[in-house]
Amino acid sequence: MISQEKFSTVFTILRKHMNQTSVVLAIRDKWEYIQKTPFTVLISCILSLRTKDEVTEEASIRLLSKYPTPALLSKQTVDHIQSLIYPVGFYKTKAKRLREISQTLIDEYNGNVPHTLDELLKLKGVGRKTANIVMVYGHKEHGYLPIDTHCHRIPNRLGWIKTKTPEETEVFLKKILPEQYWDDFNDLFVTFGQKICVPISPFCSKCPIEKFCKKRDVKNSR
């Protein structure tokens, strides 16, 4: 069992290190002008699936700067949505899905994004990761733990857990990780996973928490 003290130390170090090493991209300046609502968080999260972060940000800005509400987005043609979100992964399928979700929100939820995890999961194409992200970063609710590929890989690499899927990781992390760390867990570990604890050949030589890591399944590092 990981001690409360170790969790505290790791999160303190990562928060400090990620703040100091974060790279300000020009695209982030534009992203700041997009209002963070449950809907814009939902749409950008769907766009992010199987897509690089920088591509997701650019596509989100192009789409949401014009159509930041279900009412506006539902009126657009699938072809037009495709032209704005290309080259995100599966852009044709996603364009159709975004229009369908927007219309569903109007027809069934009075134009609002559902405020519960169960209702979010009823939306076509919305899985647990997306639903959890909307609850935390869209609705600003506590008690949810979004798990993406970084949030699944890193706790396993650290030796905190031993799981095979993000769904398992969510279940087991909720048992051992104090809830006070849940709100910024996703943001923190995604940034850490993009810059240092990358999937293949992680940068262990410059990792601020290397001494706390069991390096499980790490075959090569830099």
Protein backbone atom coordinates (compact mmCIF):
# COMPACT_ATOMS: atom_id res chain seq x y z
CA MET A 1 0.00 0.00 0.00
CA ILE A 2 1.31 3.44 -0.96
CA SER A 3 1.53 5.77 2.02
CA GLN A 4 -0.25 9.10 2.23
CA GLU A 5 3.15 10.73 2.66
CA LYS A 6 4.47 9.27 -0.61
CA PHE A 7 1.40 10.44 -2.54
CA SER A 8 1.82 13.89 -1.06
CA THR A 9 5.50 14.02 -1.98
CA VAL A 10 4.97 12.82 -5.55
CA PHE A 11 2.12 15.26 -6.24
CA THR A 12 4.01 18.18 -4.68
CA ILE A 13 7.06 17.47 -6.84
CA LEU A 14 5.06 17.01 -10.04
CA ARG A 15 2.99 20.14 -9.51
CA LYS A 16 6.11 22.21 -9.02
CA HIS A 17 8.05 20.61 -11.87
CA MET A 18 5.23 20.73 -14.43
CA ASN A 19 4.57 24.39 -13.67
CA GLN A 20 8.24 25.22 -14.13
CA THR A 21 8.75 23.25 -17.34
CA SER A 22 5.44 23.83 -19.11
CA VAL A 23 5.88 25.14 -22.63
CA VAL A 24 3.59 27.95 -23.66
CA LEU A 25 2.43 27.26 -27.21
CA ALA A 26 1.09 30.02 -29.44
CA ILE A 27 -2.02 27.94 -29.93
CA ARG A 28 -2.72 28.05 -26.19
CA ASP A 29 -3.22 31.82 -26.41
CA LYS A 30 -6.06 31.28 -28.88
CA TRP A 31 -7.48 28.43 -26.79
CA GLU A 32 -7.88 30.81 -23.85
CA TYR A 33 -10.55 32.67 -25.80
CA ILE A 34 -12.75 29.57 -25.97
CA GLN A 35 -15.10 29.57 -22.97
CA LYS A 36 -14.74 26.36 -20.96
CA THR A 37 -18.28 25.06 -20.65
CA PRO A 38 -19.52 21.49 -20.25
CA PHE A 39 -20.30 21.52 -23.98
CA THR A 40 -16.93 22.79 -25.19
CA VAL A 41 -15.15 20.36 -22.86
CA LEU A 42 -17.30 17.51 -24.19
CA ILE A 43 -16.65 18.38 -27.83
CA SER A 44 -12.90 18.86 -27.44
CA CYS A 45 -12.64 15.58 -25.54
CA ILE A 46 -14.41 13.67 -28.32
CA LEU A 47 -12.09 15.29 -30.85
CA SER A 48 -9.07 14.20 -28.80
CA LEU A 49 -9.73 10.47 -29.15
CA ARG A 50 -6.95 8.85 -31.24
CA THR A 51 -5.57 12.31 -32.02
CA LYS A 52 -2.41 14.19 -31.04
CA ASP A 53 -2.94 16.97 -28.51
CA GLU A 54 -1.77 19.80 -30.75
CA VAL A 55 -4.09 18.66 -33.55
CA THR A 56 -6.98 18.44 -31.09
CA GLU A 57 -6.37 21.97 -29.81
CA GLU A 58 -6.25 23.47 -33.28
CA ALA A 59 -9.39 21.65 -34.42
CA SER A 60 -11.23 22.57 -31.22
CA ILE A 61 -10.40 26.23 -31.70
CA ARG A 62 -11.53 26.24 -35.34
CA LEU A 63 -14.82 24.57 -34.47
CA LEU A 64 -15.72 26.03 -31.09
CA SER A 65 -14.76 29.62 -31.86
CA LYS A 66 -17.59 29.53 -34.41
CA TYR A 67 -20.05 27.11 -32.83
CA PRO A 68 -19.67 26.95 -29.02
CA THR A 69 -23.21 25.73 -28.27
CA PRO A 70 -25.36 22.73 -29.23
CA ALA A 71 -27.86 25.05 -30.94
CA LEU A 72 -25.20 26.48 -33.24
CA LEU A 73 -23.32 23.25 -33.95
CA SER A 74 -26.47 21.21 -34.67
CA LYS A 75 -27.35 23.53 -37.56
CA GLN A 76 -24.08 22.88 -39.42
CA THR A 77 -23.69 20.29 -42.16
CA VAL A 78 -21.53 17.25 -41.53
CA ASP A 79 -19.30 18.29 -44.43
CA HIS A 80 -18.73 21.71 -42.90
CA ILE A 81 -17.89 20.22 -39.51
CA GLN A 82 -15.47 17.83 -41.24
CA SER A 83 -13.70 20.75 -42.91
CA LEU A 84 -13.17 22.44 -39.54
CA ILE A 85 -11.93 19.44 -37.56
CA TYR A 86 -9.70 17.79 -40.19
CA PRO A 87 -7.12 16.21 -39.68
CA VAL A 88 -8.24 14.76 -36.32
CA GLY A 89 -8.41 10.98 -36.27
CA PHE A 90 -11.64 9.55 -37.73
CA TYR A 91 -12.77 13.08 -38.58
CA LYS A 92 -15.64 11.92 -40.80
CA THR A 93 -17.14 9.75 -38.05
CA LYS A 94 -16.54 12.43 -35.43
CA ALA A 95 -18.19 15.15 -37.51
CA LYS A 96 -21.34 13.07 -37.76
CA ARG A 97 -21.18 12.18 -34.07
CA LEU A 98 -20.74 15.80 -32.94
CA ARG A 99 -23.78 16.89 -34.90
CA GLU A 100 -25.83 13.98 -33.52
CA ILE A 101 -24.80 14.72 -29.92
CA SER A 102 -25.63 18.41 -30.34
CA GLN A 103 -29.09 17.54 -31.60
CA THR A 104 -29.59 15.01 -28.79
CA LEU A 105 -28.72 17.65 -26.21
CA ILE A 106 -31.34 19.96 -27.70
CA ASP A 107 -34.03 17.30 -28.03
CA GLU A 108 -33.55 15.48 -24.74
CA TYR A 109 -31.68 17.83 -22.37
CA ASN A 110 -33.02 21.29 -23.24
CA GLY A 111 -29.69 22.20 -24.86
CA ASN A 112 -27.66 21.36 -21.75
CA VAL A 113 -24.96 18.77 -21.16
CA PRO A 114 -26.13 16.11 -18.66
CA HIS A 115 -24.95 16.71 -15.13
CA THR A 116 -24.52 13.08 -14.09
CA LEU A 117 -22.07 10.42 -15.20
CA ASP A 118 -24.84 7.95 -16.01
CA GLU A 119 -26.65 10.40 -18.28
CA LEU A 120 -23.42 11.39 -20.02
CA LEU A 121 -22.69 7.74 -20.75
CA LYS A 122 -26.03 7.51 -22.57
CA LEU A 123 -24.73 9.89 -25.24
CA LYS A 124 -23.53 8.01 -28.30
CA GLY A 125 -19.74 7.87 -28.44
CA VAL A 126 -19.18 9.02 -24.86
CA GLY A 127 -17.16 6.62 -22.71
CA ARG A 128 -16.03 6.77 -19.09
CA LYS A 129 -12.94 8.88 -19.75
CA THR A 130 -14.90 11.53 -21.63
CA ALA A 131 -17.75 11.49 -19.11
CA ASN A 132 -15.36 11.87 -16.18
CA ILE A 133 -13.52 14.72 -17.89
CA VAL A 134 -16.78 16.56 -18.50
CA MET A 135 -17.79 16.13 -14.86
CA VAL A 136 -14.44 17.42 -13.55
CA TYR A 137 -13.46 20.12 -16.06
CA GLY A 138 -16.86 21.01 -17.51
CA HIS A 139 -19.21 20.83 -14.53
CA LYS A 140 -16.43 21.42 -11.95
CA GLU A 141 -17.65 18.52 -9.85
CA HIS A 142 -15.52 16.60 -7.36
CA GLY A 143 -15.32 12.87 -6.83
CA TYR A 144 -14.50 11.84 -10.39
CA LEU A 145 -11.25 10.45 -11.77
CA PRO A 146 -10.69 10.75 -15.54
CA ILE A 147 -8.30 8.07 -16.83
CA ASP A 148 -6.68 8.32 -20.24
CA THR A 149 -3.69 6.42 -21.63
CA HIS A 150 -1.16 8.47 -19.61
CA CYS A 151 -3.16 8.16 -16.39
CA HIS A 152 -3.33 4.40 -16.94
CA ARG A 153 0.31 3.86 -17.93
CA ILE A 154 2.10 5.99 -15.34
CA PRO A 155 0.57 4.63 -12.10
CA ASN A 156 1.35 1.12 -13.39
CA ARG A 157 4.90 2.15 -14.25
CA LEU A 158 5.32 3.71 -10.82
CA GLY A 159 4.19 0.46 -9.24
CA TRP A 160 1.11 1.92 -7.56
CA ILE A 161 -1.22 -0.54 -9.27
CA LYS A 162 -1.13 -3.45 -11.69
CA THR A 163 -4.00 -3.16 -14.15
CA LYS A 164 -4.64 -3.97 -17.80
CA THR A 165 -7.22 -1.37 -18.82
CA PRO A 166 -8.05 2.27 -18.04
CA GLU A 167 -11.36 1.08 -16.57
CA GLU A 168 -9.52 -1.17 -14.10
CA THR A 169 -7.12 1.65 -13.32
CA GLU A 170 -9.99 3.98 -12.40
CA VAL A 171 -11.43 1.39 -10.01
CA PHE A 172 -8.15 0.57 -8.28
CA LEU A 173 -6.86 4.15 -8.10
CA LYS A 174 -10.06 5.23 -6.40
CA LYS A 175 -9.30 2.69 -3.70
CA ILE A 176 -5.76 3.88 -2.95
CA LEU A 177 -5.47 7.50 -4.12
CA PRO A 178 -6.82 10.06 -1.61
CA GLU A 179 -9.67 12.05 -3.15
CA GLN A 180 -7.85 15.32 -2.55
CA TYR A 181 -5.64 14.46 -5.54
CA TRP A 182 -8.38 13.47 -7.95
CA ASP A 183 -9.24 16.92 -9.36
CA ASP A 184 -5.86 17.66 -10.90
CA PHE A 185 -4.70 14.07 -11.40
CA ASN A 186 -5.62 13.99 -15.10
CA ASP A 187 -4.09 17.35 -16.01
CA LEU A 188 -0.92 16.61 -14.06
CA PHE A 189 -0.30 13.08 -15.30
CA VAL A 190 -1.20 13.87 -18.92
CA THR A 191 1.36 16.70 -18.98
CA PHE A 192 3.93 14.50 -17.24
CA GLY A 193 3.22 11.68 -19.69
CA GLN A 194 3.61 13.93 -22.71
CA LYS A 195 6.88 15.53 -21.64
CA ILE A 196 8.81 13.05 -19.49
CA CYS A 197 7.12 9.73 -18.79
CA VAL A 198 6.42 9.04 -22.47
CA PRO A 199 5.17 5.62 -23.58
CA ILE A 200 8.38 4.44 -25.24
CA SER A 201 11.85 5.15 -23.84
CA PRO A 202 10.81 7.62 -21.12
CA PHE A 203 13.15 10.42 -20.01
CA CYS A 204 14.08 8.82 -16.68
CA SER A 205 17.34 10.81 -16.51
CA LYS A 206 15.39 14.03 -16.01
CA CYS A 207 12.40 12.62 -14.14
CA PRO A 208 11.82 14.49 -10.85
CA ILE A 209 10.19 11.45 -9.22
CA GLU A 210 12.52 8.72 -10.53
CA LYS A 211 13.46 7.55 -7.04
CA PHE A 212 9.80 6.77 -6.35
CA CYS A 213 9.36 4.75 -9.56
CA LYS A 214 9.60 0.98 -9.94
CA LYS A 215 9.92 1.39 -13.74
CA ARG A 216 7.60 -1.50 -14.33
CA ASP A 217 7.70 -2.68 -17.99
CA VAL A 218 10.30 -0.03 -18.91
CA LYS A 219 12.76 -1.72 -21.27
CA ASN A 220 14.68 1.34 -22.43
CA SER A 221 14.95 4.86 -21.09
CA ARG A 222 16.79 8.09 -21.83
